[in-house]
Amino acid sequence: MTEPRTMRARTGFAPLLLAALLLGGCGGGGGEAPSGGSGPDVLAVSRANGLDAFVAAVDTAGMTETLSGPGPYTVFAPTDRAMAGKRPRTEAEARALVAALVVPGTFTTDFLGGVDLNYTTLANRPVNIDGTDGLRFGGVPVTRADLIADNGVVHVIGQLP
């Protein structure tokens, strides 16, 4: 599996959005998806790291095929403990939850380090990702970062934003 190439953000949201739109058809975004297509996807990486409640929510949301696809995706997956008592009951609830935790593109800590930007999630909502003092997603600290998958990267969060 090849490590994703990343680039450091130099300016605000508008140039990043433009780059994401221009690279959208090329599998771009914050960085390129790792090549090969034979390694684990973001769901397999999530499952291998004990994020079973998140993977179950993806299944309930009907998004397994999407997140197993080419991506690239940056997933902010909550721990099972963070999901306890907050598991979605319907497909619509699960889709809203999962889509709010996934950003198109591959954004590693190398790319996010030292920047504080807003990105648009798969739920088409803005979320703040702050890498100026550790890494935070929607104000929530990332507890484990850079779990590299073939179609993106997974960061673990200890609570829901």
N, C-alpha and C. Protein backbone atom coordinates (compact mmCIF):
# COMPACT_ATOMS: atom_id res chain seq x y z
N MET A 1 0.85 -1.17 0.00
CA MET A 1 0.00 0.00 0.00
C MET A 1 0.89 1.23 0.00
N THR A 2 0.57 2.17 -0.79
CA THR A 2 1.35 3.40 -0.92
C THR A 2 0.80 4.45 0.02
N GLU A 3 1.68 5.19 0.68
CA GLU A 3 1.26 6.30 1.54
C GLU A 3 0.67 7.40 0.67
N PRO A 4 -0.41 8.07 1.17
CA PRO A 4 -0.98 9.14 0.37
C PRO A 4 -0.06 10.34 0.32
N ARG A 5 -0.05 11.00 -0.83
CA ARG A 5 0.69 12.24 -0.93
C ARG A 5 -0.21 13.34 -0.39
N THR A 6 0.35 14.26 0.37
CA THR A 6 -0.43 15.35 0.92
C THR A 6 0.23 16.66 0.58
N MET A 7 -0.55 17.73 0.69
CA MET A 7 0.01 19.04 0.47
C MET A 7 -0.44 19.94 1.61
N ARG A 8 0.36 20.88 1.98
CA ARG A 8 0.09 21.77 3.09
C ARG A 8 -0.83 22.89 2.62
N ALA A 9 -1.89 23.17 3.40
CA ALA A 9 -2.79 24.28 3.07
C ALA A 9 -2.08 25.59 3.32
N ARG A 10 -2.18 26.51 2.37
CA ARG A 10 -1.51 27.79 2.48
C ARG A 10 -2.49 28.95 2.64
N THR A 11 -3.72 28.75 2.23
CA THR A 11 -4.68 29.83 2.27
C THR A 11 -6.01 29.32 2.80
N GLY A 12 -7.05 30.10 2.63
CA GLY A 12 -8.37 29.81 3.17
C GLY A 12 -9.16 28.76 2.42
N PHE A 13 -10.45 28.77 2.68
CA PHE A 13 -11.35 27.75 2.20
C PHE A 13 -11.59 27.82 0.69
N ALA A 14 -11.71 29.01 0.14
CA ALA A 14 -12.07 29.15 -1.28
C ALA A 14 -11.09 28.44 -2.22
N PRO A 15 -9.77 28.66 -2.07
CA PRO A 15 -8.86 27.93 -2.97
C PRO A 15 -8.93 26.42 -2.77
N LEU A 16 -9.15 25.97 -1.53
CA LEU A 16 -9.25 24.54 -1.27
C LEU A 16 -10.50 23.97 -1.93
N LEU A 17 -11.60 24.71 -1.82
CA LEU A 17 -12.83 24.26 -2.46
C LEU A 17 -12.64 24.18 -3.97
N LEU A 18 -12.02 25.19 -4.55
CA LEU A 18 -11.77 25.17 -5.98
C LEU A 18 -10.92 23.97 -6.37
N ALA A 19 -9.87 23.72 -5.61
CA ALA A 19 -9.01 22.57 -5.90
C ALA A 19 -9.78 21.27 -5.78
N ALA A 20 -10.64 21.16 -4.76
CA ALA A 20 -11.43 19.95 -4.57
C ALA A 20 -12.38 19.75 -5.75
N LEU A 21 -12.99 20.84 -6.20
CA LEU A 21 -13.90 20.72 -7.34
C LEU A 21 -13.16 20.33 -8.61
N LEU A 22 -11.99 20.94 -8.83
CA LEU A 22 -11.22 20.64 -10.03
C LEU A 22 -10.68 19.22 -10.02
N LEU A 23 -10.31 18.74 -8.84
CA LEU A 23 -9.72 17.40 -8.74
C LEU A 23 -10.76 16.33 -8.46
N GLY A 24 -12.01 16.72 -8.23
CA GLY A 24 -13.05 15.77 -7.86
C GLY A 24 -13.11 14.56 -8.77
N GLY A 25 -13.04 14.75 -10.05
CA GLY A 25 -13.11 13.63 -10.98
C GLY A 25 -11.83 12.85 -11.06
N CYS A 26 -10.77 13.38 -10.44
CA CYS A 26 -9.46 12.72 -10.50
C CYS A 26 -9.14 12.00 -9.21
N GLY A 27 -10.09 11.93 -8.27
CA GLY A 27 -9.80 11.28 -6.99
C GLY A 27 -8.98 12.18 -6.11
N GLY A 28 -9.01 13.48 -6.33
CA GLY A 28 -8.22 14.43 -5.55
C GLY A 28 -8.95 14.91 -4.34
N GLY A 29 -8.64 16.11 -3.90
CA GLY A 29 -9.19 16.69 -2.70
C GLY A 29 -8.04 17.26 -1.92
N GLY A 30 -7.90 16.84 -0.68
CA GLY A 30 -6.81 17.33 0.15
C GLY A 30 -5.51 16.67 -0.22
N GLY A 31 -5.56 15.56 -0.82
CA GLY A 31 -4.40 14.81 -1.25
C GLY A 31 -4.90 13.70 -2.14
N GLU A 32 -4.03 12.96 -2.71
CA GLU A 32 -4.47 11.89 -3.59
C GLU A 32 -4.72 10.63 -2.80
N ALA A 33 -5.66 9.87 -3.27
CA ALA A 33 -5.92 8.58 -2.65
C ALA A 33 -4.74 7.67 -2.94
N PRO A 34 -4.42 6.81 -1.97
CA PRO A 34 -3.36 5.85 -2.23
C PRO A 34 -3.73 5.01 -3.44
N SER A 35 -2.74 4.61 -4.18
CA SER A 35 -3.00 3.83 -5.39
C SER A 35 -2.97 2.34 -5.07
N GLY A 36 -3.43 1.57 -6.00
CA GLY A 36 -3.36 0.13 -5.85
C GLY A 36 -4.71 -0.52 -5.83
N GLY A 37 -5.61 -0.08 -4.93
CA GLY A 37 -6.94 -0.63 -4.86
C GLY A 37 -7.03 -2.00 -4.24
N SER A 38 -5.94 -2.56 -3.72
CA SER A 38 -6.00 -3.91 -3.18
C SER A 38 -5.87 -3.94 -1.66
N GLY A 39 -5.64 -2.80 -1.05
CA GLY A 39 -5.49 -2.74 0.40
C GLY A 39 -6.83 -2.56 1.10
N PRO A 40 -6.81 -2.44 2.43
CA PRO A 40 -8.06 -2.27 3.16
C PRO A 40 -8.66 -0.88 2.92
N ASP A 41 -10.00 -0.85 2.86
CA ASP A 41 -10.67 0.44 2.70
C ASP A 41 -10.93 1.04 4.09
N VAL A 42 -11.54 2.23 4.12
CA VAL A 42 -11.75 2.92 5.41
C VAL A 42 -12.64 2.12 6.34
N LEU A 43 -13.56 1.32 5.81
CA LEU A 43 -14.39 0.48 6.67
C LEU A 43 -13.61 -0.67 7.28
N ALA A 44 -12.75 -1.31 6.47
CA ALA A 44 -11.92 -2.39 7.00
C ALA A 44 -10.95 -1.87 8.05
N VAL A 45 -10.39 -0.69 7.82
CA VAL A 45 -9.49 -0.08 8.80
C VAL A 45 -10.26 0.26 10.08
N SER A 46 -11.48 0.78 9.93
CA SER A 46 -12.31 1.08 11.10
C SER A 46 -12.62 -0.19 11.89
N ARG A 47 -13.00 -1.23 11.17
CA ARG A 47 -13.31 -2.51 11.82
C ARG A 47 -12.07 -3.07 12.52
N ALA A 48 -10.93 -3.02 11.86
CA ALA A 48 -9.69 -3.55 12.44
C ALA A 48 -9.25 -2.78 13.69
N ASN A 49 -9.74 -1.56 13.82
CA ASN A 49 -9.37 -0.75 14.98
C ASN A 49 -10.48 -0.68 16.03
N GLY A 50 -11.41 -1.64 15.97
CA GLY A 50 -12.42 -1.78 17.01
C GLY A 50 -13.53 -0.75 16.97
N LEU A 51 -13.79 -0.16 15.80
CA LEU A 51 -14.82 0.86 15.67
C LEU A 51 -16.10 0.22 15.12
N ASP A 52 -16.53 -0.84 15.79
CA ASP A 52 -17.64 -1.66 15.31
C ASP A 52 -18.97 -0.91 15.27
N ALA A 53 -19.23 -0.04 16.24
CA ALA A 53 -20.49 0.70 16.25
C ALA A 53 -20.56 1.65 15.06
N PHE A 54 -19.45 2.25 14.71
CA PHE A 54 -19.42 3.13 13.54
C PHE A 54 -19.68 2.31 12.27
N VAL A 55 -19.03 1.17 12.14
CA VAL A 55 -19.21 0.31 10.96
C VAL A 55 -20.67 -0.15 10.90
N ALA A 56 -21.27 -0.47 12.03
CA ALA A 56 -22.68 -0.86 12.05
C ALA A 56 -23.57 0.30 11.59
N ALA A 57 -23.22 1.52 12.00
CA ALA A 57 -23.99 2.70 11.56
C ALA A 57 -23.87 2.89 10.04
N VAL A 58 -22.68 2.63 9.51
CA VAL A 58 -22.49 2.71 8.05
C VAL A 58 -23.38 1.70 7.35
N ASP A 59 -23.44 0.49 7.88
CA ASP A 59 -24.30 -0.55 7.30
C ASP A 59 -25.76 -0.12 7.37
N THR A 60 -26.21 0.37 8.53
CA THR A 60 -27.59 0.82 8.71
C THR A 60 -27.92 1.96 7.75
N ALA A 61 -26.94 2.82 7.50
CA ALA A 61 -27.13 3.97 6.61
C ALA A 61 -27.17 3.58 5.15
N GLY A 62 -26.81 2.34 4.85
CA GLY A 62 -26.74 1.91 3.45
C GLY A 62 -25.57 2.54 2.72
N MET A 63 -24.49 2.87 3.46
CA MET A 63 -23.34 3.55 2.87
C MET A 63 -22.11 2.66 2.76
N THR A 64 -22.27 1.37 2.96
CA THR A 64 -21.14 0.45 2.89
C THR A 64 -20.48 0.49 1.52
N GLU A 65 -21.27 0.43 0.48
CA GLU A 65 -20.71 0.44 -0.88
C GLU A 65 -19.98 1.76 -1.15
N THR A 66 -20.55 2.86 -0.70
CA THR A 66 -19.93 4.17 -0.91
C THR A 66 -18.56 4.22 -0.25
N LEU A 67 -18.49 3.88 1.04
CA LEU A 67 -17.23 4.01 1.77
C LEU A 67 -16.25 2.87 1.48
N SER A 68 -16.71 1.87 0.76
CA SER A 68 -15.80 0.82 0.28
C SER A 68 -15.29 1.15 -1.11
N GLY A 69 -15.86 2.18 -1.71
CA GLY A 69 -15.50 2.58 -3.07
C GLY A 69 -14.18 3.33 -3.12
N PRO A 70 -13.87 3.89 -4.28
CA PRO A 70 -12.56 4.49 -4.51
C PRO A 70 -12.26 5.73 -3.68
N GLY A 71 -13.28 6.48 -3.25
CA GLY A 71 -13.01 7.66 -2.44
C GLY A 71 -12.28 8.72 -3.21
N PRO A 72 -11.39 9.44 -2.59
CA PRO A 72 -10.88 9.22 -1.24
C PRO A 72 -11.79 9.84 -0.18
N TYR A 73 -11.70 9.29 1.05
CA TYR A 73 -12.49 9.77 2.18
C TYR A 73 -11.61 9.95 3.40
N THR A 74 -11.92 10.99 4.16
CA THR A 74 -11.36 11.14 5.50
C THR A 74 -12.50 10.91 6.45
N VAL A 75 -12.37 9.89 7.28
CA VAL A 75 -13.42 9.48 8.20
C VAL A 75 -13.00 9.84 9.61
N PHE A 76 -13.89 10.48 10.34
CA PHE A 76 -13.69 10.77 11.75
C PHE A 76 -14.63 9.83 12.50
N ALA A 77 -14.12 8.64 12.81
CA ALA A 77 -14.94 7.56 13.36
C ALA A 77 -14.94 7.60 14.88
N PRO A 78 -16.13 7.66 15.47
CA PRO A 78 -16.22 7.64 16.94
C PRO A 78 -15.97 6.23 17.48
N THR A 79 -15.43 6.19 18.68
CA THR A 79 -15.22 4.92 19.36
C THR A 79 -16.58 4.31 19.69
N ASP A 80 -16.58 3.02 20.00
CA ASP A 80 -17.82 2.36 20.41
C ASP A 80 -18.39 3.02 21.66
N ARG A 81 -17.52 3.42 22.55
CA ARG A 81 -17.95 4.09 23.78
C ARG A 81 -18.65 5.41 23.46
N ALA A 82 -18.12 6.16 22.49
CA ALA A 82 -18.73 7.42 22.08
C ALA A 82 -20.10 7.20 21.45
N MET A 83 -20.29 6.05 20.83
CA MET A 83 -21.55 5.74 20.16
C MET A 83 -22.58 5.12 21.11
N ALA A 84 -22.14 4.69 22.30
CA ALA A 84 -23.04 4.03 23.24
C ALA A 84 -24.23 4.93 23.56
N GLY A 85 -25.41 4.38 23.40
CA GLY A 85 -26.63 5.12 23.69
C GLY A 85 -27.02 6.12 22.61
N LYS A 86 -26.20 6.24 21.58
CA LYS A 86 -26.46 7.22 20.51
C LYS A 86 -26.52 6.54 19.15
N ARG A 87 -26.67 5.25 19.14
CA ARG A 87 -26.72 4.52 17.87
C ARG A 87 -27.99 4.87 17.12
N PRO A 88 -27.85 5.17 15.85
CA PRO A 88 -29.04 5.53 15.06
C PRO A 88 -29.95 4.33 14.87
N ARG A 89 -31.26 4.60 14.92
CA ARG A 89 -32.24 3.52 14.80
C ARG A 89 -32.76 3.34 13.39
N THR A 90 -32.77 4.41 12.62
CA THR A 90 -33.31 4.33 11.27
C THR A 90 -32.21 4.58 10.25
N GLU A 91 -32.50 4.23 9.00
CA GLU A 91 -31.54 4.48 7.93
C GLU A 91 -31.26 5.98 7.80
N ALA A 92 -32.30 6.79 7.90
CA ALA A 92 -32.12 8.25 7.77
C ALA A 92 -31.25 8.81 8.89
N GLU A 93 -31.47 8.36 10.12
CA GLU A 93 -30.63 8.82 11.24
C GLU A 93 -29.18 8.39 11.04
N ALA A 94 -29.01 7.15 10.61
CA ALA A 94 -27.65 6.62 10.41
C ALA A 94 -26.95 7.36 9.28
N ARG A 95 -27.67 7.63 8.20
CA ARG A 95 -27.08 8.34 7.06
C ARG A 95 -26.66 9.76 7.48
N ALA A 96 -27.49 10.44 8.24
CA ALA A 96 -27.17 11.79 8.71
C ALA A 96 -25.92 11.76 9.60
N LEU A 97 -25.85 10.78 10.50
CA LEU A 97 -24.70 10.68 11.40
C LEU A 97 -23.42 10.36 10.63
N VAL A 98 -23.45 9.32 9.82
CA VAL A 98 -22.24 8.89 9.11
C VAL A 98 -21.78 9.99 8.15
N ALA A 99 -22.70 10.54 7.38
CA ALA A 99 -22.33 11.57 6.39
C ALA A 99 -21.70 12.79 7.07
N ALA A 100 -22.10 13.07 8.30
CA ALA A 100 -21.54 14.22 9.03
C ALA A 100 -20.12 13.94 9.55
N LEU A 101 -19.70 12.68 9.49
CA LEU A 101 -18.39 12.28 10.00
C LEU A 101 -17.38 12.00 8.89
N VAL A 102 -17.78 12.22 7.65
CA VAL A 102 -16.92 11.90 6.52
C VAL A 102 -16.72 13.14 5.66
N VAL A 103 -15.45 13.41 5.33
CA VAL A 103 -15.08 14.52 4.46
C VAL A 103 -14.45 13.94 3.20
N PRO A 104 -14.92 14.35 2.03
CA PRO A 104 -14.29 13.88 0.80
C PRO A 104 -12.83 14.35 0.72
N GLY A 105 -11.94 13.47 0.32
CA GLY A 105 -10.52 13.79 0.22
C GLY A 105 -9.72 13.02 1.26
N THR A 106 -8.42 13.04 1.13
CA THR A 106 -7.54 12.40 2.11
C THR A 106 -6.81 13.49 2.86
N PHE A 107 -7.15 13.64 4.13
CA PHE A 107 -6.57 14.70 4.96
C PHE A 107 -5.85 14.07 6.15
N THR A 108 -4.55 13.92 6.02
CA THR A 108 -3.74 13.37 7.09
C THR A 108 -3.30 14.50 8.03
N THR A 109 -2.71 14.13 9.15
CA THR A 109 -2.22 15.15 10.08
C THR A 109 -1.11 15.96 9.45
N ASP A 110 -0.38 15.39 8.51
CA ASP A 110 0.64 16.15 7.81
C ASP A 110 0.00 17.32 7.05
N PHE A 111 -1.13 17.06 6.42
CA PHE A 111 -1.85 18.10 5.68
C PHE A 111 -2.53 19.08 6.63
N LEU A 112 -3.13 18.57 7.69
CA LEU A 112 -3.94 19.40 8.59
C LEU A 112 -3.13 20.11 9.66
N GLY A 113 -1.90 19.68 9.91
CA GLY A 113 -1.09 20.28 10.96
C GLY A 113 -0.87 21.77 10.75
N GLY A 114 -1.19 22.56 11.76
CA GLY A 114 -0.95 23.99 11.72
C GLY A 114 -2.02 24.80 11.02
N VAL A 115 -3.10 24.16 10.55
CA VAL A 115 -4.17 24.90 9.87
C VAL A 115 -5.49 24.75 10.62
N ASP A 116 -6.34 25.72 10.44
CA ASP A 116 -7.67 25.72 11.03
C ASP A 116 -8.62 26.11 9.91
N LEU A 117 -9.31 25.12 9.34
CA LEU A 117 -10.15 25.36 8.17
C LEU A 117 -11.50 24.70 8.33
N ASN A 118 -12.43 25.14 7.50
CA ASN A 118 -13.74 24.49 7.43
C ASN A 118 -13.78 23.65 6.16
N TYR A 119 -14.37 22.47 6.29
CA TYR A 119 -14.55 21.57 5.17
C TYR A 119 -16.02 21.21 5.09
N THR A 120 -16.44 20.69 3.97
CA THR A 120 -17.81 20.25 3.80
C THR A 120 -17.86 18.74 3.88
N THR A 121 -18.73 18.23 4.75
CA THR A 121 -18.88 16.79 4.94
C THR A 121 -19.75 16.21 3.84
N LEU A 122 -19.87 14.88 3.83
CA LEU A 122 -20.77 14.22 2.89
C LEU A 122 -22.22 14.62 3.16
N ALA A 123 -22.51 15.13 4.35
CA ALA A 123 -23.85 15.61 4.68
C ALA A 123 -24.08 17.01 4.12
N ASN A 124 -23.09 17.52 3.39
CA ASN A 124 -23.13 18.85 2.79
C ASN A 124 -23.24 19.95 3.86
N ARG A 125 -22.57 19.71 4.98
CA ARG A 125 -22.52 20.68 6.07
C ARG A 125 -21.08 21.04 6.35
N PRO A 126 -20.86 22.31 6.71
CA PRO A 126 -19.50 22.70 7.06
C PRO A 126 -19.11 22.15 8.43
N VAL A 127 -17.84 21.80 8.56
CA VAL A 127 -17.31 21.37 9.85
C VAL A 127 -15.92 21.97 9.99
N ASN A 128 -15.59 22.40 11.18
CA ASN A 128 -14.27 22.95 11.44
C ASN A 128 -13.30 21.83 11.77
N ILE A 129 -12.16 21.83 11.10
CA ILE A 129 -11.08 20.90 11.42
C ILE A 129 -9.89 21.77 11.78
N ASP A 130 -9.47 21.64 13.03
CA ASP A 130 -8.42 22.50 13.58
C ASP A 130 -7.20 21.66 13.90
N GLY A 131 -6.11 21.93 13.20
CA GLY A 131 -4.86 21.21 13.42
C GLY A 131 -3.80 22.10 14.04
N THR A 132 -4.20 23.20 14.68
CA THR A 132 -3.22 24.13 15.23
C THR A 132 -2.66 23.69 16.58
N ASP A 133 -3.40 22.87 17.32
CA ASP A 133 -2.94 22.37 18.61
C ASP A 133 -3.48 20.95 18.76
N GLY A 134 -2.79 19.99 18.18
CA GLY A 134 -3.34 18.66 18.06
C GLY A 134 -4.28 18.66 16.86
N LEU A 135 -5.26 17.79 16.87
CA LEU A 135 -6.24 17.74 15.78
C LEU A 135 -7.62 17.64 16.39
N ARG A 136 -8.52 18.53 15.95
CA ARG A 136 -9.89 18.56 16.43
C ARG A 136 -10.84 18.56 15.24
N PHE A 137 -11.92 17.82 15.39
CA PHE A 137 -12.96 17.74 14.37
C PHE A 137 -14.26 18.24 15.00
N GLY A 138 -14.74 19.39 14.53
CA GLY A 138 -15.95 19.96 15.13
C GLY A 138 -15.79 20.23 16.60
N GLY A 139 -14.58 20.58 17.02
CA GLY A 139 -14.29 20.85 18.42
C GLY A 139 -13.91 19.63 19.25
N VAL A 140 -14.05 18.45 18.68
CA VAL A 140 -13.78 17.20 19.39
C VAL A 140 -12.36 16.74 19.09
N PRO A 141 -11.57 16.44 20.13
CA PRO A 141 -10.20 15.99 19.88
C PRO A 141 -10.13 14.62 19.19
N VAL A 142 -9.19 14.49 18.28
CA VAL A 142 -8.90 13.21 17.65
C VAL A 142 -7.99 12.44 18.61
N THR A 143 -8.37 11.20 18.93
CA THR A 143 -7.60 10.41 19.89
C THR A 143 -6.57 9.50 19.22
N ARG A 144 -6.84 9.10 17.98
CA ARG A 144 -5.88 8.35 17.16
C ARG A 144 -5.99 8.88 15.75
N ALA A 145 -4.87 9.12 15.13
CA ALA A 145 -4.90 9.75 13.81
C ALA A 145 -4.15 8.91 12.79
N ASP A 146 -4.44 9.20 11.53
CA ASP A 146 -3.70 8.66 10.39
C ASP A 146 -3.71 7.15 10.29
N LEU A 147 -4.88 6.56 10.42
CA LEU A 147 -5.04 5.13 10.15
C LEU A 147 -5.28 5.04 8.64
N ILE A 148 -4.22 4.76 7.92
CA ILE A 148 -4.23 4.86 6.46
C ILE A 148 -4.97 3.68 5.83
N ALA A 149 -5.86 4.01 4.91
CA ALA A 149 -6.61 3.01 4.14
C ALA A 149 -6.29 3.21 2.66
N ASP A 150 -6.66 2.23 1.87
CA ASP A 150 -6.42 2.33 0.43
C ASP A 150 -7.24 3.45 -0.21
N ASN A 151 -8.40 3.75 0.35
CA ASN A 151 -9.26 4.79 -0.22
C ASN A 151 -9.41 6.02 0.69
N GLY A 152 -8.42 6.24 1.55
CA GLY A 152 -8.46 7.43 2.41
C GLY A 152 -7.74 7.23 3.72
N VAL A 153 -8.29 7.87 4.75
CA VAL A 153 -7.68 7.83 6.07
C VAL A 153 -8.78 7.89 7.12
N VAL A 154 -8.52 7.24 8.26
CA VAL A 154 -9.46 7.24 9.38
C VAL A 154 -8.77 7.91 10.56
N HIS A 155 -9.50 8.83 11.20
CA HIS A 155 -9.08 9.43 12.46
C HIS A 155 -10.14 9.03 13.49
N VAL A 156 -9.73 8.68 14.69
CA VAL A 156 -10.65 8.23 15.73
C VAL A 156 -10.95 9.39 16.67
N ILE A 157 -12.24 9.55 16.97
CA ILE A 157 -12.67 10.57 17.93
C ILE A 157 -13.34 9.87 19.12
N GLY A 158 -13.16 10.42 20.30
CA GLY A 158 -13.67 9.81 21.53
C GLY A 158 -15.06 10.25 21.92
N GLN A 159 -15.65 11.16 21.15
CA GLN A 159 -17.03 11.58 21.38
C GLN A 159 -17.59 12.12 20.08
N LEU A 160 -18.89 12.24 20.02
CA LEU A 160 -19.52 12.79 18.83
C LEU A 160 -19.48 14.32 18.90
N PRO A 161 -19.26 14.97 17.77
CA PRO A 161 -19.25 16.44 17.79
C PRO A 161 -20.64 17.03 18.02
